[in-house]
N, C-alpha and C. Protein backbone atom coordinates (compact mmCIF):
# COMPACT_ATOMS: atom_id res chain seq x y z
N UNK A 1 55.41 33.41 -39.37
CA UNK A 1 55.09 32.54 -39.24
C UNK A 1 53.62 32.09 -40.36
N UNK A 2 53.59 30.74 -40.59
CA UNK A 2 53.08 30.14 -41.77
C UNK A 2 51.50 30.32 -41.07
N UNK A 3 50.37 29.99 -41.78
CA UNK A 3 48.74 29.84 -41.41
C UNK A 3 48.74 28.83 -40.88
N UNK A 4 49.59 27.68 -41.45
CA UNK A 4 49.22 26.53 -40.53
C UNK A 4 49.64 26.02 -38.79
N UNK A 5 50.50 27.07 -38.81
CA UNK A 5 51.15 26.73 -37.64
C UNK A 5 50.56 28.29 -36.15
N UNK A 6 50.22 28.83 -36.63
CA UNK A 6 49.49 30.14 -35.79
C UNK A 6 48.32 30.48 -35.99
N UNK A 7 47.63 29.97 -35.05
CA UNK A 7 46.61 30.39 -34.94
C UNK A 7 45.52 30.78 -33.49
N UNK A 8 43.95 31.41 -33.49
CA UNK A 8 44.21 32.31 -32.32
C UNK A 8 42.52 31.66 -32.31
N UNK A 9 42.12 30.78 -30.59
CA UNK A 9 41.07 30.41 -30.85
C UNK A 9 40.32 31.08 -29.88
N UNK A 10 38.97 31.74 -29.99
CA UNK A 10 38.32 32.81 -29.53
C UNK A 10 36.95 32.01 -28.49
N UNK A 11 37.00 31.77 -27.29
CA UNK A 11 35.63 30.92 -27.07
C UNK A 11 34.11 32.25 -27.38
N UNK A 12 33.70 32.09 -27.96
CA UNK A 12 31.75 32.37 -28.07
C UNK A 12 31.01 31.87 -27.23
N UNK A 13 30.99 31.52 -25.80
CA UNK A 13 30.07 31.32 -25.03
C UNK A 13 29.21 32.54 -24.64
N UNK A 14 28.27 31.85 -23.71
CA UNK A 14 27.37 32.85 -23.75
C UNK A 14 28.00 34.32 -22.82
N UNK A 15 29.28 33.80 -21.97
CA UNK A 15 29.82 34.81 -20.94
C UNK A 15 31.00 35.60 -21.77
N UNK A 16 31.82 35.30 -22.37
CA UNK A 16 32.54 35.80 -23.22
C UNK A 16 32.27 36.52 -24.51
N UNK A 17 30.85 36.08 -24.65
CA UNK A 17 30.12 37.15 -25.85
C UNK A 17 29.92 38.66 -25.27
N UNK A 18 29.70 38.88 -23.80
CA UNK A 18 29.92 40.16 -23.47
C UNK A 18 30.92 41.06 -24.06
N UNK A 19 32.21 40.43 -23.85
CA UNK A 19 32.99 40.95 -24.31
C UNK A 19 33.70 41.26 -26.12
N UNK A 20 32.53 41.37 -26.51
CA UNK A 20 32.62 41.77 -28.40
C UNK A 20 33.42 42.59 -28.54
N UNK A 21 34.23 43.62 -27.36
CA UNK A 21 34.87 44.87 -28.18
C UNK A 21 36.20 43.97 -28.10
N UNK A 22 36.72 43.28 -27.33
CA UNK A 22 37.92 42.48 -27.29
C UNK A 22 38.10 41.89 -28.47
N UNK A 23 36.97 40.58 -29.22
CA UNK A 23 37.15 40.19 -30.45
C UNK A 23 37.39 41.55 -31.59
N UNK A 24 36.63 42.00 -31.47
CA UNK A 24 36.38 43.05 -32.50
C UNK A 24 38.40 43.72 -32.53
N UNK A 25 38.71 44.13 -31.52
CA UNK A 25 40.03 44.64 -31.89
C UNK A 25 41.09 43.12 -31.92
N UNK A 26 41.05 42.08 -31.70
CA UNK A 26 41.51 40.78 -32.12
C UNK A 26 41.50 40.78 -33.56
N UNK A 27 40.50 40.95 -33.89
CA UNK A 27 40.18 40.67 -35.88
C UNK A 27 40.71 42.03 -36.46
N UNK A 28 40.60 43.49 -35.90
CA UNK A 28 41.42 44.41 -36.56
C UNK A 28 43.42 44.54 -36.15
N UNK A 29 43.79 44.00 -35.54
CA UNK A 29 45.22 44.02 -34.99
C UNK A 29 45.81 43.06 -35.47
N UNK A 30 45.47 41.74 -35.61
CA UNK A 30 46.02 40.36 -35.98
C UNK A 30 45.94 40.36 -37.59
N UNK A 31 47.31 40.12 -38.08
CA UNK A 31 47.48 39.85 -39.37
C UNK A 31 46.66 39.42 -40.22
N UNK A 32 46.52 39.21 -41.42
CA UNK A 32 45.75 38.26 -41.92
C UNK A 32 46.81 36.96 -42.17
N UNK A 33 47.79 36.37 -41.94
CA UNK A 33 47.98 35.65 -42.16
C UNK A 33 47.86 34.54 -40.78
N UNK A 34 47.35 34.66 -39.51
CA UNK A 34 47.24 34.16 -38.57
C UNK A 34 45.19 33.52 -38.80
N UNK A 35 45.16 32.89 -38.55
CA UNK A 35 44.27 32.33 -38.67
C UNK A 35 43.24 32.35 -37.13
N UNK A 36 41.92 32.55 -37.43
CA UNK A 36 41.24 32.90 -36.19
C UNK A 36 39.85 32.29 -36.33
N UNK A 37 39.78 30.99 -34.78
CA UNK A 37 38.78 29.96 -34.77
C UNK A 37 37.42 30.83 -33.66
N UNK A 38 36.71 30.23 -34.03
CA UNK A 38 35.43 30.31 -32.70
C UNK A 38 35.09 29.11 -32.09
N UNK A 39 35.70 28.91 -31.20
CA UNK A 39 35.65 27.42 -30.21
C UNK A 39 34.08 27.66 -29.22
N UNK A 40 34.13 26.63 -28.81
CA UNK A 40 32.85 26.54 -27.48
C UNK A 40 33.20 26.22 -26.25
N UNK A 41 32.50 26.48 -25.46
CA UNK A 41 32.99 27.26 -23.87
C UNK A 41 34.32 25.74 -23.51
N UNK A 42 35.31 26.35 -23.11
CA UNK A 42 36.39 25.64 -22.45
C UNK A 42 36.48 25.37 -21.01
N UNK A 43 35.66 25.93 -20.64
CA UNK A 43 35.15 25.70 -18.74
C UNK A 43 35.98 26.41 -17.85
N UNK A 44 36.31 27.40 -18.63
CA UNK A 44 37.57 28.19 -17.70
C UNK A 44 36.94 29.82 -17.73
N UNK A 45 36.21 30.20 -17.97
CA UNK A 45 35.44 31.26 -18.11
C UNK A 45 36.19 31.90 -16.85
N UNK A 46 35.97 32.93 -17.51
CA UNK A 46 36.61 33.96 -17.00
C UNK A 46 37.36 35.16 -17.93
N UNK A 47 35.75 36.11 -18.77
CA UNK A 47 35.85 36.40 -19.66
C UNK A 47 36.68 37.65 -20.56
N UNK A 48 36.92 37.37 -21.49
CA UNK A 48 37.15 36.59 -22.60
C UNK A 48 38.51 36.01 -22.69
N UNK A 49 38.53 34.77 -22.97
CA UNK A 49 39.39 33.40 -23.26
C UNK A 49 39.92 33.27 -24.31
N UNK A 50 40.82 33.58 -24.73
CA UNK A 50 41.72 33.73 -26.18
C UNK A 50 42.77 32.36 -25.96
N UNK A 51 42.42 31.36 -26.98
CA UNK A 51 43.79 30.43 -26.84
C UNK A 51 44.95 30.97 -28.27
N UNK A 52 46.07 30.90 -27.95
CA UNK A 52 46.83 31.24 -28.84
C UNK A 52 47.87 29.89 -29.07
N UNK A 53 47.91 29.65 -30.36
CA UNK A 53 48.60 28.25 -30.94
C UNK A 53 49.95 28.53 -31.32
N UNK A 54 50.84 28.72 -31.08
CA UNK A 54 52.18 29.05 -31.53
C UNK A 54 52.98 27.55 -31.68
N UNK A 55 53.01 27.33 -33.43
CA UNK A 55 53.71 26.00 -33.52
C UNK A 55 52.63 24.94 -32.83
N UNK A 56 53.30 24.26 -31.57
CA UNK A 56 52.22 23.04 -32.08
C UNK A 56 51.79 23.22 -30.25
N UNK A 57 52.44 24.01 -29.86
CA UNK A 57 51.75 24.44 -28.15
C UNK A 57 50.63 24.89 -27.84
N UNK A 58 49.46 24.79 -27.22
CA UNK A 58 48.42 25.84 -26.68
C UNK A 58 48.34 26.60 -25.66
N UNK A 59 48.05 27.66 -25.57
CA UNK A 59 48.26 28.47 -24.21
C UNK A 59 47.09 29.36 -24.27
N UNK A 60 46.37 29.13 -23.17
CA UNK A 60 44.90 29.85 -22.95
C UNK A 60 45.13 31.19 -22.20
N UNK A 61 44.13 32.28 -22.52
CA UNK A 61 44.79 33.37 -21.69
C UNK A 61 43.43 33.97 -21.22
N UNK A 62 43.27 34.14 -19.85
CA UNK A 62 41.90 34.69 -19.82
C UNK A 62 41.91 36.31 -19.20
N UNK A 63 40.59 36.62 -19.25
CA UNK A 63 40.76 38.37 -18.58
C UNK A 63 41.49 39.15 -19.85
N UNK A 64 41.01 38.62 -21.18
CA UNK A 64 41.07 39.98 -22.83
C UNK A 64 40.40 40.55 -22.49
N UNK A 65 40.71 41.54 -22.33
CA UNK A 65 39.68 42.83 -22.03
C UNK A 65 39.79 44.07 -23.24
N UNK A 66 40.74 44.41 -23.21
CA UNK A 66 40.97 45.77 -24.21
C UNK A 66 41.94 45.51 -24.98
N UNK A 67 42.34 46.67 -25.42
CA UNK A 67 43.29 46.54 -26.95
C UNK A 67 44.92 46.94 -26.24
N UNK A 68 44.92 46.81 -25.31
CA UNK A 68 46.46 46.86 -24.78
C UNK A 68 46.61 44.96 -24.38
N UNK A 69 45.60 44.28 -24.48
CA UNK A 69 45.65 42.85 -24.32
C UNK A 69 46.19 42.33 -25.33
N UNK A 70 44.99 42.86 -26.38
CA UNK A 70 44.84 42.36 -27.65
C UNK A 70 46.55 42.72 -28.37
N UNK A 71 46.99 43.66 -27.86
CA UNK A 71 48.17 43.92 -28.87
C UNK A 71 49.76 43.21 -28.31
N UNK A 72 49.32 42.87 -26.87
CA UNK A 72 50.36 42.04 -26.51
C UNK A 72 50.37 40.56 -26.57
N UNK A 73 48.94 40.25 -27.16
CA UNK A 73 48.54 38.88 -27.92
C UNK A 73 49.48 38.69 -29.31
N UNK A 74 49.24 40.38 -29.74
CA UNK A 74 49.81 40.36 -31.36
C UNK A 74 51.78 40.04 -31.02
N UNK A 75 52.08 40.96 -29.81
CA UNK A 75 53.31 41.07 -30.07
C UNK A 75 53.87 39.61 -29.37
N UNK A 76 53.36 38.98 -28.54
CA UNK A 76 53.32 37.22 -28.61
C UNK A 76 53.72 36.53 -29.61
N UNK A 77 52.40 36.92 -30.88
CA UNK A 77 52.67 35.83 -32.10
C UNK A 77 53.80 36.41 -32.68
N UNK A 78 54.12 37.78 -32.32
CA UNK A 78 55.33 38.13 -33.65
C UNK A 78 56.65 37.74 -32.89
N UNK A 79 56.84 37.72 -31.89
CA UNK A 79 58.01 37.68 -31.09
C UNK A 79 58.50 36.19 -30.84
N UNK A 80 57.28 35.18 -30.52
CA UNK A 80 57.34 33.52 -30.39
C UNK A 80 57.39 34.05 -28.49
N UNK A 81 57.66 34.99 -27.66
CA UNK A 81 57.89 35.20 -26.30
C UNK A 81 56.45 36.15 -25.33
N UNK A 82 56.09 35.22 -24.53
CA UNK A 82 55.00 35.88 -23.72
C UNK A 82 55.29 36.91 -23.21
N UNK A 83 54.62 37.97 -23.52
CA UNK A 83 54.78 39.69 -22.69
C UNK A 83 54.34 39.47 -21.15
N UNK A 84 55.18 40.11 -20.55
CA UNK A 84 54.92 39.87 -19.08
C UNK A 84 53.21 40.18 -18.67
N UNK A 85 52.31 40.64 -19.44
CA UNK A 85 51.06 41.66 -19.43
C UNK A 85 50.05 40.60 -18.76
N UNK A 86 50.78 39.32 -20.12
CA UNK A 86 49.95 38.07 -19.92
C UNK A 86 50.12 37.17 -19.36
N UNK A 87 51.62 36.94 -18.71
CA UNK A 87 51.77 36.03 -17.71
C UNK A 87 51.10 35.07 -16.65
N UNK A 88 50.92 36.61 -16.24
CA UNK A 88 49.91 35.88 -14.73
C UNK A 88 48.27 35.56 -15.68
N UNK A 89 48.38 35.81 -17.00
CA UNK A 89 46.50 35.00 -17.54
C UNK A 89 46.37 33.84 -17.77
N UNK A 90 47.87 33.23 -17.71
CA UNK A 90 48.13 31.99 -18.42
C UNK A 90 47.05 30.75 -17.67
N UNK A 91 46.47 30.10 -18.09
CA UNK A 91 45.57 29.15 -17.48
C UNK A 91 46.33 27.66 -17.99
N UNK A 92 46.94 27.27 -16.81
CA UNK A 92 48.01 25.98 -16.86
C UNK A 92 47.14 24.77 -16.79
N UNK A 93 45.68 24.91 -15.87
CA UNK A 93 45.07 23.64 -16.63
C UNK A 93 44.66 23.30 -17.51
N UNK A 94 44.69 24.44 -18.49
CA UNK A 94 44.18 23.90 -19.69
C UNK A 94 45.11 24.13 -20.94
N UNK A 95 46.46 23.71 -20.61
CA UNK A 95 48.04 23.91 -21.94
C UNK A 95 47.54 23.35 -22.54
N UNK A 96 47.67 23.10 -23.79
CA UNK A 96 47.48 21.91 -24.89
C UNK A 96 46.18 21.25 -25.07
N UNK A 97 45.15 22.24 -24.45
CA UNK A 97 44.02 21.10 -24.65
C UNK A 97 42.88 22.02 -25.19
N UNK A 98 42.11 21.46 -26.31
CA UNK A 98 41.40 21.71 -26.96
C UNK A 98 39.67 21.23 -26.93
N UNK A 99 38.51 21.98 -26.10
CA UNK A 99 37.21 21.19 -26.52
C UNK A 99 36.62 21.53 -27.36
N UNK A 100 36.30 20.36 -28.48
CA UNK A 100 36.11 20.73 -29.65
C UNK A 100 34.72 20.35 -29.65
């Protein structure tokens, strides 16, 4: 996947900043060809909130807290299919929406 089509958005609001361990794991696990951006609060607080954009589809995932969750996101980016671990954590009301 190219850098232009794959991005990860990290909420950096007050509630999500408390989970800096998940952010460290994301920066460590995700390959260099994937762009990581910090965004303002998306109003779906359930820390840590991570947006995954694959091609033109943006999906928000809540409660990303540990290394297993980050590895599931990495697997999702590599295979293009959402792992079972993250399916129940997707936030449907924010799909394809990004507050800038």
